[in-house]
Amino acid sequence: LFRNGLVLGTAVSYGHEFGSFDTGGGFDHDAY
């Protein structure tokens, strides 16, 4: 954060998604 209010940055993320279908079966996903 600079004094004039400018912000510069970077980030890394991870997400894991899992679930089940109402009719059977499911899924499992990952995001980087």
PDB file of all heavy atoms in Angstrom:
ATOM      1  N   LEU A   1       0.846  -1.186   0.000  1.00  0.00           N
ATOM      2  CA  LEU A   1       0.000   0.000   0.000  1.00  0.00           C
ATOM      3  C   LEU A   1       0.883   1.237   0.000  1.00  0.00           C
ATOM      4  O   LEU A   1       1.674   1.453   0.931  1.00  0.00           O
ATOM      5  CB  LEU A   1      -0.926  -0.010   1.223  1.00  0.00           C
ATOM      6  CG  LEU A   1      -1.740   1.259   1.480  1.00  0.00           C
ATOM      7  CD1 LEU A   1      -2.701   1.537   0.330  1.00  0.00           C
ATOM      8  CD2 LEU A   1      -2.497   1.155   2.794  1.00  0.00           C
ATOM      9  N   PHE A   2       0.778   2.043  -1.064  1.00  0.00           N
ATOM     10  CA  PHE A   2       1.525   3.281  -1.152  1.00  0.00           C
ATOM     11  C   PHE A   2       0.767   4.402  -0.446  1.00  0.00           C
ATOM     12  O   PHE A   2      -0.432   4.311  -0.217  1.00  0.00           O
ATOM     13  CB  PHE A   2       1.756   3.645  -2.628  1.00  0.00           C
ATOM     14  CG  PHE A   2       2.588   2.637  -3.374  1.00  0.00           C
ATOM     15  CD1 PHE A   2       1.979   1.530  -3.953  1.00  0.00           C
ATOM     16  CD2 PHE A   2       3.957   2.786  -3.482  1.00  0.00           C
ATOM     17  CE1 PHE A   2       2.735   0.597  -4.646  1.00  0.00           C
ATOM     18  CE2 PHE A   2       4.727   1.849  -4.168  1.00  0.00           C
ATOM     19  CZ  PHE A   2       4.106   0.746  -4.746  1.00  0.00           C
ATOM     20  N   ARG A   3       1.463   5.486  -0.133  1.00  0.00           N
ATOM     21  CA  ARG A   3       0.847   6.556   0.644  1.00  0.00           C
ATOM     22  C   ARG A   3      -0.241   7.296  -0.127  1.00  0.00           C
ATOM     23  O   ARG A   3      -1.096   7.949   0.467  1.00  0.00           O
ATOM     24  CB  ARG A   3       1.919   7.542   1.124  1.00  0.00           C
ATOM     25  CG  ARG A   3       2.858   6.929   2.159  1.00  0.00           C
ATOM     26  CD  ARG A   3       3.704   7.976   2.848  1.00  0.00           C
ATOM     27  NE  ARG A   3       4.553   7.359   3.860  1.00  0.00           N
ATOM     28  CZ  ARG A   3       4.176   7.075   5.094  1.00  0.00           C
ATOM     29  NH1 ARG A   3       2.929   7.357   5.455  1.00  0.00           N
ATOM     30  NH2 ARG A   3       4.994   6.520   5.944  1.00  0.00           N
ATOM     31  N   ASN A   4      -0.220   7.195  -1.441  1.00  0.00           N
ATOM     32  CA  ASN A   4      -1.272   7.843  -2.229  1.00  0.00           C
ATOM     33  C   ASN A   4      -2.513   6.965  -2.375  1.00  0.00           C
ATOM     34  O   ASN A   4      -3.440   7.306  -3.099  1.00  0.00           O
ATOM     35  CB  ASN A   4      -0.737   8.227  -3.605  1.00  0.00           C
ATOM     36  CG  ASN A   4      -0.268   7.015  -4.409  1.00  0.00           C
ATOM     37  OD1 ASN A   4      -0.323   5.883  -3.932  1.00  0.00           O
ATOM     38  ND2 ASN A   4       0.196   7.266  -5.623  1.00  0.00           N
ATOM     39  N   GLY A   5      -2.522   5.791  -1.705  1.00  0.00           N
ATOM     40  CA  GLY A   5      -3.674   4.893  -1.743  1.00  0.00           C
ATOM     41  C   GLY A   5      -3.577   3.785  -2.759  1.00  0.00           C
ATOM     42  O   GLY A   5      -4.441   2.905  -2.790  1.00  0.00           O
ATOM     43  N   LEU A   6      -2.543   3.810  -3.623  1.00  0.00           N
ATOM     44  CA  LEU A   6      -2.358   2.742  -4.597  1.00  0.00           C
ATOM     45  C   LEU A   6      -1.978   1.443  -3.897  1.00  0.00           C
ATOM     46  O   LEU A   6      -1.122   1.427  -3.013  1.00  0.00           O
ATOM     47  CB  LEU A   6      -1.256   3.141  -5.587  1.00  0.00           C
ATOM     48  CG  LEU A   6      -0.795   2.054  -6.566  1.00  0.00           C
ATOM     49  CD1 LEU A   6      -1.915   1.693  -7.534  1.00  0.00           C
ATOM     50  CD2 LEU A   6       0.460   2.502  -7.308  1.00  0.00           C
ATOM     51  N   VAL A   7      -2.606   0.355  -4.299  1.00  0.00           N
ATOM     52  CA  VAL A   7      -2.296  -0.979  -3.785  1.00  0.00           C
ATOM     53  C   VAL A   7      -1.961  -1.883  -4.961  1.00  0.00           C
ATOM     54  O   VAL A   7      -2.692  -1.914  -5.962  1.00  0.00           O
ATOM     55  CB  VAL A   7      -3.474  -1.592  -2.993  1.00  0.00           C
ATOM     56  CG1 VAL A   7      -3.128  -3.009  -2.529  1.00  0.00           C
ATOM     57  CG2 VAL A   7      -3.834  -0.729  -1.800  1.00  0.00           C
ATOM     58  N   LEU A   8      -0.860  -2.628  -4.848  1.00  0.00           N
ATOM     59  CA  LEU A   8      -0.487  -3.633  -5.839  1.00  0.00           C
ATOM     60  C   LEU A   8      -0.189  -4.932  -5.103  1.00  0.00           C
ATOM     61  O   LEU A   8       0.483  -4.911  -4.055  1.00  0.00           O
ATOM     62  CB  LEU A   8       0.741  -3.200  -6.645  1.00  0.00           C
ATOM     63  CG  LEU A   8       0.576  -1.964  -7.525  1.00  0.00           C
ATOM     64  CD1 LEU A   8       1.916  -1.584  -8.157  1.00  0.00           C
ATOM     65  CD2 LEU A   8      -0.475  -2.198  -8.607  1.00  0.00           C
ATOM     66  N   GLY A   9      -0.691  -6.059  -5.636  1.00  0.00           N
ATOM     67  CA  GLY A   9      -0.466  -7.312  -4.924  1.00  0.00           C
ATOM     68  C   GLY A   9      -0.680  -8.530  -5.804  1.00  0.00           C
ATOM     69  O   GLY A   9      -1.127  -8.440  -6.949  1.00  0.00           O
ATOM     70  N   THR A  10      -0.366  -9.673  -5.232  1.00  0.00           N
ATOM     71  CA  THR A  10      -0.573 -10.952  -5.896  1.00  0.00           C
ATOM     72  C   THR A  10      -0.976 -11.980  -4.856  1.00  0.00           C
ATOM     73  O   THR A  10      -0.681 -11.813  -3.654  1.00  0.00           O
ATOM     74  CB  THR A  10       0.695 -11.406  -6.644  1.00  0.00           C
ATOM     75  OG1 THR A  10       0.417 -12.589  -7.393  1.00  0.00           O
ATOM     76  CG2 THR A  10       1.828 -11.685  -5.669  1.00  0.00           C
ATOM     77  N   ALA A  11      -1.623 -13.038  -5.294  1.00  0.00           N
ATOM     78  CA  ALA A  11      -2.109 -14.054  -4.361  1.00  0.00           C
ATOM     79  C   ALA A  11      -2.196 -15.398  -5.075  1.00  0.00           C
ATOM     80  O   ALA A  11      -2.306 -15.467  -6.299  1.00  0.00           O
ATOM     81  CB  ALA A  11      -3.483 -13.671  -3.811  1.00  0.00           C
ATOM     82  N   VAL A  12      -2.133 -16.459  -4.290  1.00  0.00           N
ATOM     83  CA  VAL A  12      -2.361 -17.816  -4.787  1.00  0.00           C
ATOM     84  C   VAL A  12      -3.523 -18.398  -3.998  1.00  0.00           C
ATOM     85  O   VAL A  12      -3.769 -18.024  -2.838  1.00  0.00           O
ATOM     86  CB  VAL A  12      -1.113 -18.708  -4.642  1.00  0.00           C
ATOM     87  CG1 VAL A  12       0.009 -18.207  -5.537  1.00  0.00           C
ATOM     88  CG2 VAL A  12      -0.642 -18.773  -3.193  1.00  0.00           C
ATOM     89  N   SER A  13      -4.260 -19.314  -4.635  1.00  0.00           N
ATOM     90  CA  SER A  13      -5.457 -19.850  -3.994  1.00  0.00           C
ATOM     91  C   SER A  13      -5.602 -21.334  -4.287  1.00  0.00           C
ATOM     92  O   SER A  13      -5.041 -21.860  -5.256  1.00  0.00           O
ATOM     93  CB  SER A  13      -6.709 -19.107  -4.486  1.00  0.00           C
ATOM     94  OG  SER A  13      -6.910 -19.360  -5.879  1.00  0.00           O
ATOM     95  N   TYR A  14      -6.369 -21.987  -3.429  1.00  0.00           N
ATOM     96  CA  TYR A  14      -6.736 -23.390  -3.625  1.00  0.00           C
ATOM     97  C   TYR A  14      -8.196 -23.558  -3.225  1.00  0.00           C
ATOM     98  O   TYR A  14      -8.645 -23.000  -2.208  1.00  0.00           O
ATOM     99  CB  TYR A  14      -5.867 -24.314  -2.773  1.00  0.00           C
ATOM    100  CG  TYR A  14      -6.383 -25.737  -2.725  1.00  0.00           C
ATOM    101  CD1 TYR A  14      -6.262 -26.574  -3.828  1.00  0.00           C
ATOM    102  CD2 TYR A  14      -7.022 -26.232  -1.587  1.00  0.00           C
ATOM    103  CE1 TYR A  14      -6.755 -27.872  -3.798  1.00  0.00           C
ATOM    104  CE2 TYR A  14      -7.509 -27.527  -1.549  1.00  0.00           C
ATOM    105  CZ  TYR A  14      -7.371 -28.339  -2.654  1.00  0.00           C
ATOM    106  OH  TYR A  14      -7.865 -29.626  -2.625  1.00  0.00           O
ATOM    107  N   GLY A  15      -8.927 -24.322  -4.017  1.00  0.00           N
ATOM    108  CA  GLY A  15     -10.317 -24.624  -3.687  1.00  0.00           C
ATOM    109  C   GLY A  15     -10.612 -26.091  -3.921  1.00  0.00           C
ATOM    110  O   GLY A  15     -10.180 -26.665  -4.930  1.00  0.00           O
ATOM    111  N   HIS A  16     -11.323 -26.702  -2.992  1.00  0.00           N
ATOM    112  CA  HIS A  16     -11.727 -28.106  -3.119  1.00  0.00           C
ATOM    113  C   HIS A  16     -13.241 -28.167  -3.039  1.00  0.00           C
ATOM    114  O   HIS A  16     -13.858 -27.637  -2.109  1.00  0.00           O
ATOM    115  CB  HIS A  16     -11.110 -28.956  -2.016  1.00  0.00           C
ATOM    116  CG  HIS A  16     -11.538 -30.401  -2.079  1.00  0.00           C
ATOM    117  ND1 HIS A  16     -11.227 -31.218  -3.134  1.00  0.00           N
ATOM    118  CD2 HIS A  16     -12.272 -31.156  -1.219  1.00  0.00           C
ATOM    119  CE1 HIS A  16     -11.737 -32.420  -2.926  1.00  0.00           C
ATOM    120  NE2 HIS A  16     -12.378 -32.406  -1.775  1.00  0.00           N
ATOM    121  N   GLU A  17     -13.827 -28.825  -4.035  1.00  0.00           N
ATOM    122  CA  GLU A  17     -15.275 -28.886  -4.170  1.00  0.00           C
ATOM    123  C   GLU A  17     -15.713 -30.349  -4.232  1.00  0.00           C
ATOM    124  O   GLU A  17     -15.166 -31.127  -5.014  1.00  0.00           O
ATOM    125  CB  GLU A  17     -15.646 -28.168  -5.467  1.00  0.00           C
ATOM    126  CG  GLU A  17     -17.118 -28.060  -5.769  1.00  0.00           C
ATOM    127  CD  GLU A  17     -17.320 -27.221  -7.020  1.00  0.00           C
ATOM    128  OE1 GLU A  17     -17.384 -25.987  -6.899  1.00  0.00           O
ATOM    129  OE2 GLU A  17     -17.376 -27.804  -8.122  1.00  0.00           O
ATOM    130  N   PHE A  18     -16.684 -30.715  -3.396  1.00  0.00           N
ATOM    131  CA  PHE A  18     -17.169 -32.094  -3.389  1.00  0.00           C
ATOM    132  C   PHE A  18     -18.668 -32.084  -3.117  1.00  0.00           C
ATOM    133  O   PHE A  18     -19.196 -31.180  -2.463  1.00  0.00           O
ATOM    134  CB  PHE A  18     -16.435 -32.931  -2.342  1.00  0.00           C
ATOM    135  CG  PHE A  18     -16.518 -32.370  -0.940  1.00  0.00           C
ATOM    136  CD1 PHE A  18     -17.468 -32.824  -0.045  1.00  0.00           C
ATOM    137  CD2 PHE A  18     -15.640 -31.380  -0.516  1.00  0.00           C
ATOM    138  CE1 PHE A  18     -17.557 -32.315   1.246  1.00  0.00           C
ATOM    139  CE2 PHE A  18     -15.708 -30.859   0.778  1.00  0.00           C
ATOM    140  CZ  PHE A  18     -16.666 -31.327   1.652  1.00  0.00           C
ATOM    141  N   GLY A  19     -19.354 -33.096  -3.657  1.00  0.00           N
ATOM    142  CA  GLY A  19     -20.789 -33.127  -3.467  1.00  0.00           C
ATOM    143  C   GLY A  19     -21.402 -34.390  -4.015  1.00  0.00           C
ATOM    144  O   GLY A  19     -20.714 -35.263  -4.559  1.00  0.00           O
ATOM    145  N   SER A  20     -22.711 -34.484  -3.892  1.00  0.00           N
ATOM    146  CA  SER A  20     -23.438 -35.676  -4.336  1.00  0.00           C
ATOM    147  C   SER A  20     -24.679 -35.259  -5.106  1.00  0.00           C
ATOM    148  O   SER A  20     -25.335 -34.262  -4.781  1.00  0.00           O
ATOM    149  CB  SER A  20     -23.834 -36.538  -3.131  1.00  0.00           C
ATOM    150  OG  SER A  20     -24.636 -35.802  -2.226  1.00  0.00           O
ATOM    151  N   PHE A  21     -24.984 -36.030  -6.169  1.00  0.00           N
ATOM    152  CA  PHE A  21     -26.192 -35.802  -6.949  1.00  0.00           C
ATOM    153  C   PHE A  21     -27.387 -36.445  -6.244  1.00  0.00           C
ATOM    154  O   PHE A  21     -27.265 -37.491  -5.606  1.00  0.00           O
ATOM    155  CB  PHE A  21     -26.042 -36.401  -8.348  1.00  0.00           C
ATOM    156  CG  PHE A  21     -24.947 -35.768  -9.170  1.00  0.00           C
ATOM    157  CD1 PHE A  21     -23.795 -36.482  -9.483  1.00  0.00           C
ATOM    158  CD2 PHE A  21     -25.074 -34.470  -9.630  1.00  0.00           C
ATOM    159  CE1 PHE A  21     -22.794 -35.912 -10.246  1.00  0.00           C
ATOM    160  CE2 PHE A  21     -24.078 -33.890 -10.386  1.00  0.00           C
ATOM    161  CZ  PHE A  21     -22.927 -34.610 -10.702  1.00  0.00           C
ATOM    162  N   ASP A  22     -28.558 -35.843  -6.393  1.00  0.00           N
ATOM    163  CA  ASP A  22     -29.765 -36.366  -5.767  1.00  0.00           C
ATOM    164  C   ASP A  22     -30.114 -37.757  -6.293  1.00  0.00           C
ATOM    165  O   ASP A  22     -30.743 -38.556  -5.588  1.00  0.00           O
ATOM    166  CB  ASP A  22     -30.946 -35.422  -6.011  1.00  0.00           C
ATOM    167  CG  ASP A  22     -30.778 -34.086  -5.310  1.00  0.00           C
ATOM    168  OD1 ASP A  22     -29.851 -33.959  -4.487  1.00  0.00           O
ATOM    169  OD2 ASP A  22     -31.569 -33.166  -5.594  1.00  0.00           O
ATOM    170  N   THR A  23     -29.709 -38.074  -7.520  1.00  0.00           N
ATOM    171  CA  THR A  23     -30.032 -39.355  -8.140  1.00  0.00           C
ATOM    172  C   THR A  23     -28.910 -40.379  -8.009  1.00  0.00           C
ATOM    173  O   THR A  23     -28.972 -41.445  -8.629  1.00  0.00           O
ATOM    174  CB  THR A  23     -30.345 -39.143  -9.630  1.00  0.00           C
ATOM    175  OG1 THR A  23     -29.290 -38.365 -10.222  1.00  0.00           O
ATOM    176  CG2 THR A  23     -31.662 -38.417  -9.810  1.00  0.00           C
ATOM    177  N   GLY A  24     -27.890 -40.081  -7.208  1.00  0.00           N
ATOM    178  CA  GLY A  24     -26.785 -41.005  -7.008  1.00  0.00           C
ATOM    179  C   GLY A  24     -25.519 -40.524  -7.682  1.00  0.00           C
ATOM    180  O   GLY A  24     -25.547 -39.855  -8.703  1.00  0.00           O
ATOM    181  N   GLY A  25     -24.379 -40.913  -7.097  1.00  0.00           N
ATOM    182  CA  GLY A  25     -23.109 -40.454  -7.624  1.00  0.00           C
ATOM    183  C   GLY A  25     -22.729 -39.110  -7.040  1.00  0.00           C
ATOM    184  O   GLY A  25     -23.413 -38.542  -6.181  1.00  0.00           O
ATOM    185  N   GLY A  26     -21.608 -38.587  -7.517  1.00  0.00           N
ATOM    186  CA  GLY A  26     -21.151 -37.312  -7.001  1.00  0.00           C
ATOM    187  C   GLY A  26     -19.968 -36.792  -7.792  1.00  0.00           C
ATOM    188  O   GLY A  26     -19.679 -37.246  -8.895  1.00  0.00           O
ATOM    189  N   PHE A  27     -19.256 -35.843  -7.203  1.00  0.00           N
ATOM    190  CA  PHE A  27     -18.132 -35.211  -7.893  1.00  0.00           C
ATOM    191  C   PHE A  27     -17.122 -34.727  -6.865  1.00  0.00           C
ATOM    192  O   PHE A  27     -17.437 -34.551  -5.677  1.00  0.00           O
ATOM    193  CB  PHE A  27     -18.613 -34.050  -8.763  1.00  0.00           C
ATOM    194  CG  PHE A  27     -19.496 -33.068  -8.035  1.00  0.00           C
ATOM    195  CD1 PHE A  27     -18.969 -31.987  -7.356  1.00  0.00           C
ATOM    196  CD2 PHE A  27     -20.875 -33.243  -8.029  1.00  0.00           C
ATOM    197  CE1 PHE A  27     -19.783 -31.094  -6.683  1.00  0.00           C
ATOM    198  CE2 PHE A  27     -21.709 -32.356  -7.358  1.00  0.00           C
ATOM    199  CZ  PHE A  27     -21.160 -31.282  -6.683  1.00  0.00           C
ATOM    200  N   ASP A  28     -15.901 -34.527  -7.350  1.00  0.00           N
ATOM    201  CA  ASP A  28     -14.799 -34.093  -6.493  1.00  0.00           C
ATOM    202  C   ASP A  28     -13.848 -33.286  -7.374  1.00  0.00           C
ATOM    203  O   ASP A  28     -13.229 -33.838  -8.287  1.00  0.00           O
ATOM    204  CB  ASP A  28     -14.089 -35.303  -5.883  1.00  0.00           C
ATOM    205  CG  ASP A  28     -13.252 -34.937  -4.679  1.00  0.00           C
ATOM    206  OD1 ASP A  28     -12.221 -34.297  -4.868  1.00  0.00           O
ATOM    207  OD2 ASP A  28     -13.634 -35.297  -3.555  1.00  0.00           O
ATOM    208  N   HIS A  29     -13.729 -31.990  -7.110  1.00  0.00           N
ATOM    209  CA  HIS A  29     -12.938 -31.111  -7.968  1.00  0.00           C
ATOM    210  C   HIS A  29     -11.907 -30.345  -7.138  1.00  0.00           C
ATOM    211  O   HIS A  29     -12.126 -30.062  -5.952  1.00  0.00           O
ATOM    212  CB  HIS A  29     -13.821 -30.090  -8.687  1.00  0.00           C
ATOM    213  CG  HIS A  29     -15.000 -30.675  -9.386  1.00  0.00           C
ATOM    214  ND1 HIS A  29     -14.929 -31.828 -10.129  1.00  0.00           N
ATOM    215  CD2 HIS A  29     -16.293 -30.263  -9.467  1.00  0.00           C
ATOM    216  CE1 HIS A  29     -16.116 -32.102 -10.642  1.00  0.00           C
ATOM    217  NE2 HIS A  29     -16.967 -31.171 -10.242  1.00  0.00           N
ATOM    218  N   ASP A  30     -10.802 -29.981  -7.787  1.00  0.00           N
ATOM    219  CA  ASP A  30      -9.776 -29.146  -7.173  1.00  0.00           C
ATOM    220  C   ASP A  30      -9.428 -28.002  -8.118  1.00  0.00           C
ATOM    221  O   ASP A  30      -9.415 -28.180  -9.349  1.00  0.00           O
ATOM    222  CB  ASP A  30      -8.511 -29.954  -6.880  1.00  0.00           C
ATOM    223  CG  ASP A  30      -8.727 -30.994  -5.798  1.00  0.00           C
ATOM    224  OD1 ASP A  30      -8.852 -30.619  -4.628  1.00  0.00           O
ATOM    225  OD2 ASP A  30      -8.784 -32.194  -6.146  1.00  0.00           O
ATOM    226  N   ALA A  31      -9.132 -26.833  -7.556  1.00  0.00           N
ATOM    227  CA  ALA A  31      -8.746 -25.670  -8.345  1.00  0.00           C
ATOM    228  C   ALA A  31      -7.528 -25.016  -7.721  1.00  0.00           C
ATOM    229  O   ALA A  31      -7.480 -24.800  -6.501  1.00  0.00           O
ATOM    230  CB  ALA A  31      -9.892 -24.671  -8.433  1.00  0.00           C
ATOM    231  N   TYR A  32      -6.530 -24.701  -8.564  1.00  0.00           N
ATOM    232  CA  TYR A  32      -5.301 -24.056  -8.127  1.00  0.00           C
ATOM    233  C   TYR A  32      -5.163 -22.751  -8.922  1.00  0.00           C
ATOM    234  O   TYR A  32      -5.112 -22.783 -10.160  1.00  0.00           O
ATOM    235  CB  TYR A  32      -4.096 -24.948  -8.377  1.00  0.00           C
ATOM    236  CG  TYR A  32      -4.237 -26.345  -7.801  1.00  0.00           C
ATOM    237  CD1 TYR A  32      -4.897 -27.345  -8.515  1.00  0.00           C
ATOM    238  CD2 TYR A  32      -3.731 -26.660  -6.536  1.00  0.00           C
ATOM    239  CE1 TYR A  32      -5.032 -28.628  -7.989  1.00  0.00           C
ATOM    240  CE2 TYR A  32      -3.865 -27.932  -6.010  1.00  0.00           C
ATOM    241  CZ  TYR A  32      -4.523 -28.908  -6.746  1.00  0.00           C
ATOM    242  OH  TYR A  32      -4.664 -30.172  -6.225  1.00  0.00           O
TER     243      TYR A  32
END
